[in-house]
Amino acid sequence: MDSCRIPANASKCSGTTMECFMVLSTQAQKISIGILCGLFGTMCVFENSLVLYLIFSSPGIRKKPSYLFIGSLALADILASIIFVCSFVNFHVFNEAGFSKEVFLLQLGGVNTSFSASLSSLLLTALDRYLSISRPSEYKLLMTRKRAWTALAVLWVTCATIAGLPLLGWNCCTLDSSCSELFPFVDDNYLSGWLCWVVVLLGCIVCAYAHVLWRARRHVAYMEQQQAQAGKQNSRIRMDVMLAKTLVMVLAVLMLCWSPVLVLMIYSIFGRLSDRLRKVFAFCSTLCLLNSMVNPIIYALRSKELFSSLRRVLSHFRRQLKAPEESPEAESSHKSSVIET
């Protein structure tokens, strides 16, 4: 195992072992974490996979850049759930610490890439909504599918690059610098930079959504005054407002789930965390999975297009189930049973 500095308050650790980061001390805590991760992770993968299927199985939906960004969000949540649950449970519940520094940083990079891509997808969706409301006549020219795919490619490459910096050498072992109290091998300066980037993303998302809702309310007020033009255009404005409110709900859930984790990360940079706070951080980390699980539920409840697509899928599934019962063989067997009776 590579030698590097361990947290100063980890008195129970000796040498450079990773056991000092395994903060769950009782079997009850490990079982609780395992149940939460298993439940949230399974539901998250199922729900977001369903969202991806609904988007890309419907030609009318998958052509819209808005839903390409939502599909990117669902994909990021799926990857984050799988990588996070496997690595988190393996480390904190089963206490597996036999892997190398490179393997751990690779897992951490995968989690950071996925969660960062999820947050960045929300930012692209907010910008998409901003363009659709602020410049509706030019929206289709400005936001094409090609530009949407290009933006998504830049997004994922950027997130992967930033998340991979510790693996590429920006870690406290290679630099012989101060390590984070929350993550093995992670340099405090890198964690500070990553937190600043996340805060900037959140700030941009909040500003974009606030401007979207402000412009949407102005559009609705204007259209209500134009009684002669009420109809299709007014309906389009209501759809934009509804989608904007949906994304604000997603952002609210994101803030509620991520705030405890971010606050503890920031606190760990400027002060020392007690063992109790580090246990709280471990449990708060599962809220990130809860956020990924709630997002698809919000889409299903708020997006009429996705909800209609879901209804079509369920109706098709019911017809497939009823088909064997209505087949000639089933009908003949039913008649023979009636005759015997």
Foldseek 3Di string as FASTA:
>chain_A
DFFADADPQLVVDDGRAPVSQQLDDDLVLLVVLLVLLVVLLVLLLVLLVLLLCLQVVDPVRVQDLLSVLVNQLSVLLNQLSVLCSVVLSCCRNVVDRPDDPLVQLVSQLSNQLSVQSNLVSLLVSLVLLLCCLVPVVCSCVVDGPVVSVVVSVVSSVVSSVLSCVLSVQQWCSNVSADHFNNGPRHHLVSLVVSLVVSVVSLVSSVVSLVSSLVSLVVVQVVVVVVVVPPDPVNVVSVLSNLVSVLSVVLSVLVCVLCVLLSVVSVCRSVDPDDSVSSSVNSVSVSSSSVSSSCSSVSCCVRPPSSVVSVVVVVVVVVCVVCVVCPDPVNVVVVVVVVVVD
